[in-house]
Protein backbone atom coordinates (compact mmCIF):
# COMPACT_ATOMS: atom_id res chain seq x y z
CA MET A 1 150.93 217.30 21.68
CA LEU A 2 151.08 217.20 17.81
CA CYS A 3 147.61 216.82 16.08
CA PHE A 4 147.53 214.09 13.28
CA LYS A 5 147.80 216.57 10.47
CA SER A 6 150.69 218.03 11.90
CA PHE A 7 152.22 214.35 12.89
CA LYS A 8 151.78 214.02 9.55
CA LYS A 9 153.67 216.67 8.03
CA PHE A 10 156.16 216.40 10.34
CA THR A 11 157.04 212.77 9.44
CA LEU A 12 157.41 213.62 5.89
CA LEU A 13 159.62 216.55 6.27
CA LEU A 14 161.50 213.90 7.98
CA ALA A 15 161.19 211.11 5.38
CA ALA A 16 162.44 213.96 2.96
CA PHE A 17 165.34 215.04 4.95
CA PHE A 18 166.75 211.69 5.26
CA SER A 19 166.28 211.00 1.74
CA ILE A 20 168.24 214.12 1.10
CA PHE A 21 171.30 213.45 3.55
CA ALA A 22 171.21 209.61 3.82
CA ALA A 23 173.59 207.88 1.30
CA PRO A 24 172.66 210.97 -1.18
CA LEU A 25 174.36 209.30 -4.33
CA LEU A 26 172.86 205.72 -4.10
CA GLY A 27 170.20 205.03 -6.43
CA LYS A 28 171.32 207.80 -9.04
CA GLU A 29 171.87 207.30 -12.69
CA LEU A 30 174.87 208.42 -14.39
CA ARG A 31 175.23 209.23 -18.05
CA ILE A 32 178.39 208.96 -19.97
CA GLY A 33 179.30 210.27 -23.61
CA VAL A 34 181.89 207.85 -25.16
CA GLN A 35 183.35 208.08 -28.25
CA ALA A 36 182.33 204.40 -29.43
CA ILE A 37 180.53 201.76 -27.97
CA THR A 38 181.58 197.97 -27.85
CA SER A 39 181.24 195.24 -30.74
CA SER A 40 179.71 192.98 -28.58
CA LEU A 41 178.86 191.84 -25.32
CA ASP A 42 181.07 188.66 -25.28
CA PRO A 43 184.24 189.66 -23.39
CA HIS A 44 186.71 187.37 -25.16
CA TYR A 45 185.01 188.13 -28.73
CA HIS A 46 187.50 190.88 -29.48
CA ASN A 47 190.47 192.47 -27.66
CA THR A 48 189.70 196.27 -28.31
CA GLY A 49 189.75 199.16 -25.95
CA THR A 50 186.14 199.90 -26.64
CA ASN A 51 184.99 196.61 -25.91
CA ASN A 52 187.01 195.81 -22.91
CA GLN A 53 186.17 199.66 -21.51
CA VAL A 54 182.07 198.14 -21.51
CA THR A 55 182.79 194.19 -20.67
CA ARG A 56 184.95 195.11 -17.49
CA HIS A 57 181.83 196.66 -15.70
CA VAL A 58 180.35 192.74 -16.17
CA PHE A 59 183.13 190.43 -16.26
CA ASP A 60 185.96 190.36 -13.67
CA LYS A 61 189.31 189.56 -14.05
CA LEU A 62 191.71 187.26 -11.98
CA VAL A 63 194.19 189.85 -11.40
CA GLU A 64 192.46 193.46 -11.86
CA ARG A 65 194.56 197.00 -13.17
CA ASP A 66 194.60 199.77 -10.95
CA GLU A 67 194.49 203.24 -12.80
CA ASN A 68 198.27 203.18 -13.17
CA GLN A 69 198.25 199.61 -14.97
CA GLN A 70 199.68 197.56 -12.18
CA PRO A 71 198.31 194.49 -10.97
CA ALA A 72 196.08 194.12 -8.36
CA PRO A 73 193.81 191.83 -6.18
CA GLY A 74 190.84 190.61 -8.39
CA LEU A 75 188.61 187.08 -8.74
CA ALA A 76 192.17 186.02 -7.27
CA GLU A 77 193.20 187.56 -4.12
CA SER A 78 196.89 186.52 -4.13
CA TRP A 79 199.34 184.71 -6.00
CA ARG A 80 203.29 183.82 -6.39
CA ALA A 81 205.89 181.96 -8.22
CA ILE A 82 205.93 178.62 -6.65
CA ASP A 83 208.57 177.33 -8.66
CA ASP A 84 210.37 178.65 -11.96
CA LEU A 85 207.86 176.88 -14.04
CA THR A 86 204.23 177.11 -11.76
CA TRP A 87 202.34 180.17 -10.28
CA GLU A 88 199.71 180.03 -7.61
CA PHE A 89 196.50 181.47 -7.65
CA LYS A 90 194.24 181.82 -4.58
CA LEU A 91 191.07 182.88 -5.40
CA ARG A 92 188.63 185.02 -3.60
CA LYS A 93 185.96 183.22 -1.22
CA GLY A 94 182.06 183.98 -1.46
CA VAL A 95 182.35 185.32 -5.09
CA GLN A 96 178.90 184.70 -6.55
CA TRP A 97 177.56 185.13 -9.95
CA GLN A 98 174.97 187.41 -10.63
CA ASP A 99 172.48 184.47 -10.52
CA GLY A 100 173.50 183.66 -7.22
CA SER A 101 175.73 180.57 -7.93
CA ALA A 102 179.38 180.46 -6.13
CA PHE A 103 182.57 181.31 -8.34
CA THR A 104 185.31 178.60 -8.07
CA ALA A 105 188.28 177.52 -10.09
CA ASP A 106 186.03 175.14 -12.41
CA ASP A 107 185.18 178.73 -14.04
CA VAL A 108 188.57 179.69 -14.26
CA VAL A 109 189.95 176.41 -15.89
CA PHE A 110 186.64 176.51 -18.49
CA THR A 111 187.65 180.18 -19.33
CA PHE A 112 191.47 179.38 -20.26
CA ASP A 113 189.46 176.46 -22.61
CA ARG A 114 187.39 178.92 -23.96
CA ALA A 115 188.92 182.59 -24.34
CA PRO A 116 191.55 181.88 -26.99
CA ASP A 117 189.22 180.39 -29.45
CA VAL A 118 185.91 182.27 -30.19
CA GLU A 119 184.45 181.77 -32.92
CA ASN A 120 184.80 184.45 -35.89
CA SER A 121 186.95 186.31 -33.26
CA PRO A 122 188.60 189.32 -35.61
CA GLY A 123 191.32 189.81 -32.38
CA SER A 124 191.41 187.26 -29.68
CA PHE A 125 193.24 187.10 -26.53
CA ALA A 126 195.07 183.88 -27.37
CA GLN A 127 198.48 185.76 -26.94
CA TYR A 128 198.05 186.04 -23.07
CA LEU A 129 196.86 182.63 -22.79
CA LYS A 130 199.03 180.86 -25.37
CA GLY A 131 201.55 178.58 -23.31
CA LYS A 132 199.72 178.06 -20.14
CA LYS A 133 198.33 175.12 -18.73
CA VAL A 134 195.77 175.51 -15.59
CA ILE A 135 195.38 172.92 -13.11
CA LYS A 136 192.40 172.98 -10.67
CA VAL A 137 193.83 172.04 -7.00
CA ASN A 138 190.86 172.80 -5.40
CA ASP A 139 187.84 175.27 -5.50
CA LEU A 140 189.79 178.13 -4.43
CA ILE A 141 193.37 177.51 -5.76
CA VAL A 142 194.74 177.23 -9.25
CA ASN A 143 198.19 176.45 -11.09
CA ILE A 144 198.84 177.63 -13.68
CA LYS A 145 202.32 176.14 -15.55
CA THR A 146 204.45 177.35 -18.12
CA GLU A 147 207.17 175.61 -20.43
CA LYS A 148 209.57 178.16 -19.18
CA PRO A 149 210.20 180.60 -16.63
CA TYR A 150 207.35 183.36 -17.52
CA PRO A 151 207.43 186.97 -15.34
CA LEU A 152 204.38 188.26 -16.92
CA MET A 153 201.91 185.77 -15.50
CA PRO A 154 200.19 188.35 -13.59
CA ASN A 155 200.00 191.19 -16.32
CA ASP A 156 198.59 188.67 -18.82
CA LEU A 157 195.89 187.97 -16.69
CA MET A 158 194.63 191.49 -16.22
CA THR A 159 193.63 191.16 -19.88
CA PHE A 160 190.34 188.94 -20.30
CA GLY A 161 187.62 188.46 -18.32
CA ILE A 162 186.20 185.34 -16.31
CA ILE A 163 183.00 183.54 -17.31
CA SER A 164 180.87 181.07 -15.93
CA LYS A 165 181.14 177.51 -16.85
CA LYS A 166 177.76 177.17 -15.96
CA HIS A 167 176.11 179.65 -18.53
CA GLY A 168 179.20 179.55 -20.93
CA GLN A 169 178.94 175.86 -22.02
CA GLY A 170 178.07 175.57 -25.70
CA ALA A 171 177.22 179.35 -25.75
CA LYS A 172 178.14 181.49 -28.67
CA THR A 173 179.43 185.32 -29.25
CA GLU A 174 175.41 185.81 -30.34
CA ASP A 175 174.22 184.47 -26.55
CA TYR A 176 176.31 187.11 -25.03
CA ASN A 177 174.73 189.87 -26.82
CA SER A 178 171.15 188.66 -26.20
CA LYS A 179 172.14 188.61 -22.72
CA LYS A 180 171.41 184.69 -22.20
CA ALA A 181 174.92 183.97 -21.35
CA LEU A 182 175.76 187.54 -19.86
CA VAL A 183 176.21 186.57 -16.03
CA GLY A 184 179.39 188.04 -14.40
CA THR A 185 180.56 188.93 -11.05
CA GLY A 186 181.10 192.53 -11.56
CA PRO A 187 179.72 195.64 -10.09
CA TYR A 188 177.09 196.00 -12.70
CA GLN A 189 174.82 193.96 -15.02
CA VAL A 190 173.50 194.72 -18.66
CA GLU A 191 169.92 196.21 -18.58
CA GLU A 192 169.82 197.13 -22.53
CA PHE A 193 172.33 196.81 -25.31
CA ARG A 194 171.90 198.89 -28.64
CA PHE A 195 174.44 198.04 -31.03
CA GLY A 196 176.20 201.05 -32.03
CA ASP A 197 174.24 203.41 -29.52
CA ARG A 198 174.46 202.35 -26.23
CA VAL A 199 174.73 200.10 -23.24
CA VAL A 200 173.10 200.58 -20.33
CA LEU A 201 174.19 199.13 -16.86
CA LYS A 202 172.76 198.63 -13.86
CA ALA A 203 174.71 197.64 -10.20
CA ASN A 204 174.70 193.95 -9.41
CA PRO A 205 173.21 193.74 -5.93
CA LEU A 206 175.51 190.08 -5.23
CA TYR A 207 178.66 191.74 -6.13
CA TRP A 208 181.46 190.81 -3.91
CA GLY A 209 183.26 194.35 -3.74
CA THR A 210 182.34 197.67 -2.61
CA LYS A 211 179.11 198.66 -3.71
CA PRO A 212 178.79 200.82 -6.71
CA MET A 213 177.81 204.59 -6.10
CA TRP A 214 175.94 204.54 -9.35
CA ASP A 215 172.80 202.44 -9.48
CA ARG A 216 172.22 202.82 -13.25
CA VAL A 217 174.79 203.73 -15.86
CA ILE A 218 174.02 204.69 -19.49
CA MET A 219 176.89 204.96 -21.93
CA LYS A 220 175.88 206.37 -24.92
CA VAL A 221 178.00 207.02 -28.27
CA TYR A 222 178.80 210.53 -29.54
CA LYS A 223 181.44 210.07 -32.32
CA SER A 224 182.84 213.31 -32.77
CA GLY A 225 184.31 215.51 -30.01
CA PRO A 226 182.10 218.29 -30.78
CA SER A 227 179.04 216.43 -30.14
CA ARG A 228 180.22 214.92 -26.82
CA VAL A 229 180.83 218.34 -25.89
CA ALA A 230 177.65 219.82 -26.99
CA ALA A 231 175.82 216.84 -25.21
CA LEU A 232 177.77 217.73 -22.17
CA LEU A 233 177.06 221.36 -22.45
CA SER A 234 173.04 220.75 -22.87
CA GLY A 235 172.72 218.15 -19.84
CA ASP A 236 172.04 215.17 -21.83
CA VAL A 237 174.97 213.53 -20.28
CA ASP A 238 176.98 214.23 -17.00
CA LEU A 239 180.44 212.91 -18.25
CA ILE A 240 182.45 212.58 -21.36
CA GLU A 241 185.64 211.14 -22.90
CA HIS A 242 188.32 212.12 -24.99
CA VAL A 243 187.67 216.07 -24.78
CA PRO A 244 188.79 217.68 -27.95
CA THR A 245 192.23 219.86 -27.33
CA THR A 246 190.15 222.54 -29.14
CA ASP A 247 187.51 222.83 -26.64
CA ILE A 248 190.09 222.54 -23.43
CA GLU A 249 190.51 226.09 -22.65
CA ARG A 250 186.59 227.22 -22.84
CA LEU A 251 185.44 224.35 -20.87
CA LYS A 252 188.25 225.21 -18.12
CA ASN A 253 186.68 228.80 -18.25
CA ASP A 254 183.14 227.36 -17.71
CA SER A 255 182.50 227.35 -14.05
CA ASN A 256 179.67 224.53 -14.49
CA ILE A 257 182.20 222.10 -15.82
CA THR A 258 184.85 219.86 -14.30
CA LEU A 259 188.10 218.94 -16.23
CA SER A 260 190.18 215.42 -14.92
CA GLU A 261 193.44 215.35 -16.71
CA GLY A 262 196.00 212.71 -16.88
CA ALA A 263 199.29 210.94 -18.45
CA SER A 264 198.26 208.05 -20.70
CA ALA A 265 200.49 204.97 -21.40
CA ARG A 266 199.85 205.75 -25.16
CA LEU A 267 202.97 206.31 -27.34
CA ILE A 268 202.60 208.28 -30.36
CA TYR A 269 205.65 207.32 -32.41
CA MET A 270 207.12 207.62 -35.99
CA HIS A 271 207.99 204.15 -38.00
CA LEU A 272 211.30 204.11 -40.15
CA ASP A 273 211.26 201.87 -43.27
CA ARG A 274 214.67 199.34 -42.63
CA TRP A 275 213.67 196.68 -45.53
CA GLN A 276 212.79 198.05 -48.58
CA GLU A 277 215.65 198.83 -50.27
CA ASN A 278 213.95 200.62 -53.71
CA SER A 279 210.80 201.99 -52.02
CA LYS A 280 208.90 204.73 -54.57
CA GLU A 281 208.40 206.73 -51.59
CA PHE A 282 212.30 207.81 -51.31
CA THR A 283 212.88 210.02 -54.32
CA ASP A 284 215.35 212.68 -55.46
CA LYS A 285 214.75 215.88 -54.50
CA ALA A 286 215.75 217.19 -57.88
CA THR A 287 214.09 214.50 -60.56
CA GLY A 288 211.37 212.95 -58.29
CA GLN A 289 212.52 209.54 -59.11
CA PRO A 290 213.21 206.67 -56.50
CA LEU A 291 216.69 207.05 -54.77
CA GLY A 292 217.21 203.12 -55.76
CA ASN A 293 218.60 202.81 -51.81
CA ASN A 294 216.91 203.02 -48.50
CA PRO A 295 218.34 206.46 -46.31
CA PHE A 296 216.84 204.84 -43.17
CA ASN A 297 219.39 202.29 -43.11
CA ASP A 298 221.85 204.81 -42.56
CA LEU A 299 222.15 205.46 -38.62
CA ARG A 300 223.13 209.37 -39.21
CA VAL A 301 219.90 209.79 -41.41
CA ARG A 302 217.72 208.53 -38.60
CA GLN A 303 219.05 210.34 -36.05
CA ALA A 304 218.38 213.94 -38.35
CA PHE A 305 215.49 212.84 -38.40
CA SER A 306 214.61 212.63 -34.68
CA PHE A 307 216.54 215.99 -34.10
CA ALA A 308 214.44 217.78 -36.41
CA ILE A 309 211.47 216.99 -34.44
CA SER A 310 210.26 219.76 -32.05
CA ARG A 311 207.93 217.51 -29.45
CA GLU A 312 207.72 220.79 -27.59
CA ALA A 313 206.19 222.78 -30.08
CA ILE A 314 203.73 219.99 -30.95
CA GLY A 315 203.02 219.49 -27.36
CA SER A 316 201.83 223.28 -27.09
CA ARG A 317 200.69 224.06 -30.65
CA ILE A 318 199.07 220.97 -31.86
CA MET A 319 198.13 219.44 -28.65
CA ASP A 320 197.20 222.20 -26.53
CA ASP A 321 199.64 221.00 -24.00
CA LEU A 322 197.94 217.67 -23.15
CA SER A 323 201.00 215.19 -24.25
CA ILE A 324 204.50 214.39 -22.54
CA PRO A 325 207.55 214.64 -24.73
CA ALA A 326 208.58 210.79 -25.28
CA GLY A 327 212.20 209.56 -25.23
CA GLN A 328 211.17 206.12 -24.78
CA ILE A 329 208.85 203.25 -24.99
CA VAL A 330 206.89 203.65 -21.70
CA PRO A 331 205.92 206.46 -19.69
CA GLU A 332 207.65 207.03 -16.08
CA GLY A 333 205.39 205.05 -13.72
CA LEU A 334 205.18 201.75 -15.23
CA PHE A 335 207.96 198.88 -15.34
CA GLY A 336 210.96 199.24 -17.32
CA TYR A 337 210.96 203.08 -17.67
CA ASP A 338 214.25 204.36 -17.91
CA PRO A 339 214.80 207.44 -15.78
CA SER A 340 218.17 208.27 -17.87
CA LEU A 341 216.52 208.55 -21.36
CA LYS A 342 215.20 211.54 -22.00
CA ALA A 343 213.34 213.14 -25.28
CA TRP A 344 215.30 213.84 -27.97
CA PRO A 345 216.19 217.74 -28.17
CA TYR A 346 215.25 220.01 -31.54
CA ASP A 347 218.14 220.60 -32.67
CA PRO A 348 217.56 221.13 -36.79
CA LYS A 349 221.68 222.46 -37.19
CA LYS A 350 222.73 218.80 -35.81
CA ALA A 351 220.06 217.33 -37.89
CA LYS A 352 221.75 219.32 -41.07
CA ASP A 353 225.11 218.21 -40.17
CA LEU A 354 224.36 214.82 -39.79
CA MET A 355 222.40 214.36 -43.42
CA VAL A 356 225.54 215.98 -44.77
CA GLU A 357 227.86 213.53 -43.13
CA ALA A 358 225.42 210.81 -44.24
CA GLY A 359 225.82 211.92 -48.11
CA TYR A 360 222.24 213.50 -48.51
CA ALA A 361 223.27 217.47 -48.12
CA ASP A 362 220.50 218.12 -50.70
CA GLY A 363 217.97 216.15 -48.97
CA PHE A 364 215.95 213.72 -50.35
CA GLY A 365 211.97 213.10 -51.00
CA ILE A 366 209.77 211.16 -48.50
CA VAL A 367 205.65 210.40 -47.69
CA VAL A 368 204.71 210.86 -44.42
CA HIS A 369 201.98 208.35 -43.71
CA ALA A 370 199.20 208.90 -40.87
CA PRO A 371 195.65 208.03 -39.96
CA ASN A 372 192.98 210.62 -39.76
CA ASN A 373 190.57 209.56 -36.87
CA ARG A 374 192.71 207.07 -34.89
CA TYR A 375 195.04 209.19 -32.61
CA VAL A 376 194.37 212.81 -30.95
CA ASN A 377 195.31 215.04 -33.57
CA ASP A 378 197.23 212.26 -35.63
CA TYR A 379 197.09 214.20 -39.13
CA LYS A 380 197.91 217.70 -37.66
CA ILE A 381 200.85 215.65 -35.92
CA ALA A 382 201.80 214.41 -39.27
CA GLU A 383 201.79 217.95 -40.87
CA ALA A 384 203.74 219.67 -38.45
CA ILE A 385 206.36 216.50 -38.59
CA ALA A 386 206.42 217.36 -42.39
CA GLN A 387 206.95 220.87 -42.11
CA MET A 388 210.04 220.48 -39.64
CA LEU A 389 211.86 217.81 -41.67
CA THR A 390 211.48 220.76 -44.83
CA ARG A 391 213.89 222.78 -42.69
CA ILE A 392 216.50 220.10 -42.74
CA GLY A 393 216.34 219.88 -46.31
CA ILE A 394 213.73 216.93 -46.85
CA LYS A 395 210.83 217.45 -49.44
CA VAL A 396 207.75 216.04 -47.76
CA SER A 397 204.42 214.83 -48.94
CA VAL A 398 201.13 214.08 -46.46
CA GLU A 399 199.00 211.24 -46.87
CA THR A 400 196.40 210.64 -44.58
CA GLU A 401 193.18 208.37 -44.53
CA PRO A 402 190.68 206.47 -42.49
CA LYS A 403 191.80 204.31 -40.14
CA THR A 404 189.75 201.37 -41.66
CA THR A 405 192.21 201.20 -44.26
CA TYR A 406 194.95 202.70 -43.11
CA PHE A 407 196.40 199.86 -40.64
CA LYS A 408 195.97 197.56 -43.61
CA ASN A 409 198.29 199.48 -45.84
CA ALA A 410 200.49 200.74 -43.19
CA TRP A 411 202.79 197.46 -43.54
CA ASN A 412 204.15 199.24 -47.15
CA TYR A 413 204.60 202.61 -46.12
CA SER A 414 207.99 204.10 -45.22
CA PHE A 415 207.92 206.72 -42.97
CA LEU A 416 204.51 206.44 -40.50
CA LEU A 417 202.84 207.52 -37.77
CA ALA A 418 201.68 204.98 -35.09
CA GLY A 419 200.56 204.51 -31.71
CA TRP A 420 201.01 202.18 -28.92
CA GLY A 421 199.50 201.20 -25.39
CA SER A 422 201.03 198.70 -23.44
CA ASN A 423 198.05 196.04 -22.10
CA SER A 424 200.37 194.77 -19.93
CA GLY A 425 201.43 198.04 -17.94
CA GLU A 426 205.02 197.36 -18.96
CA ALA A 427 207.76 197.84 -21.62
CA SER A 428 207.85 194.13 -22.53
CA SER A 429 204.70 194.58 -24.25
CA ALA A 430 205.79 197.71 -26.67
CA LEU A 431 209.34 196.17 -26.97
CA ARG A 432 207.90 193.14 -27.91
CA ALA A 433 205.40 194.21 -30.90
CA ILE A 434 207.14 197.33 -32.20
CA VAL A 435 210.85 196.87 -32.50
CA SER A 436 211.29 192.72 -31.74
CA THR A 437 212.02 191.05 -35.11
CA GLN A 438 209.47 190.04 -36.72
CA ASP A 439 208.64 186.40 -36.29
CA LYS A 440 205.17 185.25 -36.52
CA LYS A 441 206.07 181.86 -34.76
CA LYS A 442 207.28 183.30 -31.60
CA GLY A 443 204.53 185.84 -31.84
CA THR A 444 207.14 188.82 -31.92
CA GLY A 445 207.16 192.03 -34.14
CA THR A 446 203.38 191.99 -34.61
CA ASN A 447 203.36 195.74 -35.27
CA ASN A 448 206.52 195.85 -36.56
CA ARG A 449 205.78 197.98 -39.50
CA GLY A 450 209.15 199.10 -40.05
CA ARG A 451 210.50 195.50 -40.22
CA TYR A 452 213.52 196.94 -37.76
CA SER A 453 215.75 194.01 -36.26
CA ASN A 454 218.40 194.12 -33.84
CA THR A 455 219.86 190.77 -32.38
CA GLU A 456 220.73 192.70 -29.14
CA VAL A 457 217.51 194.13 -28.68
CA ASP A 458 215.78 190.74 -29.04
CA GLN A 459 218.00 189.01 -26.85
CA ALA A 460 217.90 191.33 -23.77
CA ILE A 461 213.81 190.86 -24.23
CA GLU A 462 213.70 187.46 -24.44
CA GLN A 463 215.69 186.97 -21.35
CA ALA A 464 213.40 189.98 -19.72
CA LEU A 465 210.45 187.70 -20.61
CA ALA A 466 211.95 184.69 -19.00
CA THR A 467 213.46 186.23 -15.97
CA ILE A 468 211.16 186.06 -12.46
CA ASP A 469 213.43 188.54 -10.46
CA ASP A 470 211.91 191.88 -11.15
CA THR A 471 215.31 193.90 -10.45
CA ASP A 472 216.87 191.52 -13.19
CA ARG A 473 214.09 192.14 -15.70
CA LEU A 474 214.19 195.65 -15.12
CA HIS A 475 217.44 196.06 -15.94
CA LEU A 476 216.99 194.03 -19.40
CA LEU A 477 214.03 195.64 -20.27
CA GLN A 478 216.12 198.90 -19.52
CA LYS A 479 218.72 197.99 -21.92
CA ALA A 480 216.59 196.85 -24.67
CA THR A 481 215.00 200.25 -24.41
CA ARG A 482 218.28 201.77 -24.49
CA ILE A 483 219.35 199.89 -27.55
CA ALA A 484 216.34 200.88 -29.56
CA VAL A 485 216.28 204.17 -28.99
CA GLU A 486 219.94 204.88 -29.70
CA ASP A 487 219.60 203.11 -32.97
CA VAL A 488 216.60 204.91 -33.32
CA ALA A 489 214.33 201.50 -34.20
CA ILE A 490 211.31 204.18 -34.06
CA ILE A 491 211.17 207.95 -33.42
CA PRO A 492 209.00 208.25 -30.13
CA VAL A 493 206.95 211.64 -30.25
CA HIS A 494 204.95 211.86 -27.02
CA PHE A 495 202.74 210.50 -24.73
CA GLN A 496 198.87 211.45 -25.13
CA LYS A 497 197.09 212.73 -22.03
CA GLY A 498 193.42 211.63 -21.30
CA VAL A 499 190.86 214.43 -20.52
CA TRP A 500 187.26 214.02 -19.44
CA ALA A 501 185.02 216.66 -18.82
CA ALA A 502 181.97 216.44 -16.06
CA LYS A 503 179.49 218.29 -14.67
CA LYS A 504 180.00 220.58 -11.69
CA GLY A 505 180.74 218.94 -8.51
CA LEU A 506 181.75 215.02 -10.43
CA TYR A 507 185.37 214.08 -10.94
CA TYR A 508 187.18 211.42 -12.87
CA LYS A 509 189.67 208.99 -11.18
CA THR A 510 191.71 209.53 -14.34
CA ARG A 511 193.70 206.10 -15.57
CA VAL A 512 196.53 205.50 -17.85
CA ASP A 513 194.76 202.81 -20.16
CA GLN A 514 192.17 205.83 -20.98
CA HIS A 515 189.25 203.38 -20.13
CA THR A 516 186.20 205.37 -18.90
CA ILE A 517 184.86 203.19 -16.34
CA ALA A 518 181.58 203.99 -14.11
CA THR A 519 183.46 203.08 -10.69
CA GLY A 520 185.88 206.07 -11.55
CA VAL A 521 183.21 208.61 -11.20
CA TYR A 522 183.12 210.35 -7.95
CA THR A 523 182.23 213.56 -6.10
CA LYS A 524 184.49 215.15 -3.10
């Protein structure tokens, strides 16, 4: 028979045993080193990747996006087009807000009213709500009506979070930042928010979905790549995002580090000026004086520039194999991808021949513009492209600037580097934004800095956006893409890859939107 002391010791050992082996990950803390933190906890204040990455932990969407940016059930468990102008969404039963109140159709209607018009918003979600009228059928069904057939309804609803009517009525952005109105249905609640420094999350005990693996999550800002790597190696964080390409090899050889790598939907491309006839950036190679005409209005010159770029060399030498050569707008796996379109081959001889045919045997001068802190190795890519263009007779200079000023000035540049990630998870997002004719009333060409315009492309995109049948819509998007690529509307360079690094034993389920979310961190 056990004595009291032995029995007490036995029970303590037994308790310790079960505390170790029963649900070992629950109640643990996860520390993530991020590049930037949200500017606001108001989920509708500013539509940026860094903001959405944080607020998605707290606010669910009607339609969620999976790791491949495809629609998945969220607060709406199912949806269907019941006629050409009406979509029906059936809401999930039993969902509670963090205060215990029930989620209903009233919250959806309220969100649609509030989200497009947040005071002082520097970048709203209005484009995803414009032309949509939401009607409450009952507490668990809403219909959304449009003025014309609109196939991207589920995709649009992946972009913005649903908020509580009870807590959102009369609430300002400040009320979300102070946590007064910060009540969501998502897997986490905000415990602490320090602007520019960190967000601390805690698991939501009323969450309707799979319970979070991590009880507490700290997302702390380390702006530079080397500082994130140092934080991981020192043990200050468990996971980092946007691993610098220069550190990949070192981390691969570290037995205490695990790397997770995956393709992204981020296209890096070059815009070509199609509107300025007398741009000072087109110069005579010999005299340095303005050409007086725009060489990019000649298809052969545009083709020559594309043939002059070695995407494989950029991928291996600049990106350390963390890019995929691009021949179109979206990568494989996204709706609208055309398997017949391949990346342009590197062919400087062909490029030179085309320049001669176009009447530029001696080339001309041009400035390559790029940001120096927006995309992975952005300014290095611009410098590499400049060197490649010199091989076909182009006299090139490179000018870079911080993203805060670059994108304001970029509308006046003639040859510039930019990037685009498809928020909708398919090709129409990029087609509408960067190759459609610029039309503020229609909301097209919002990022078409080259002012490219092609009626055939516009018509195919417009038809695709009014076609409910997926097969027909796919063919229209592929048609628009083929015309734009063959006409060299832009020069696709590559799709970035995303890389996350974690301490040994942790892994990250990579996402094409490159978001870092706590629910994607797991152990095998």
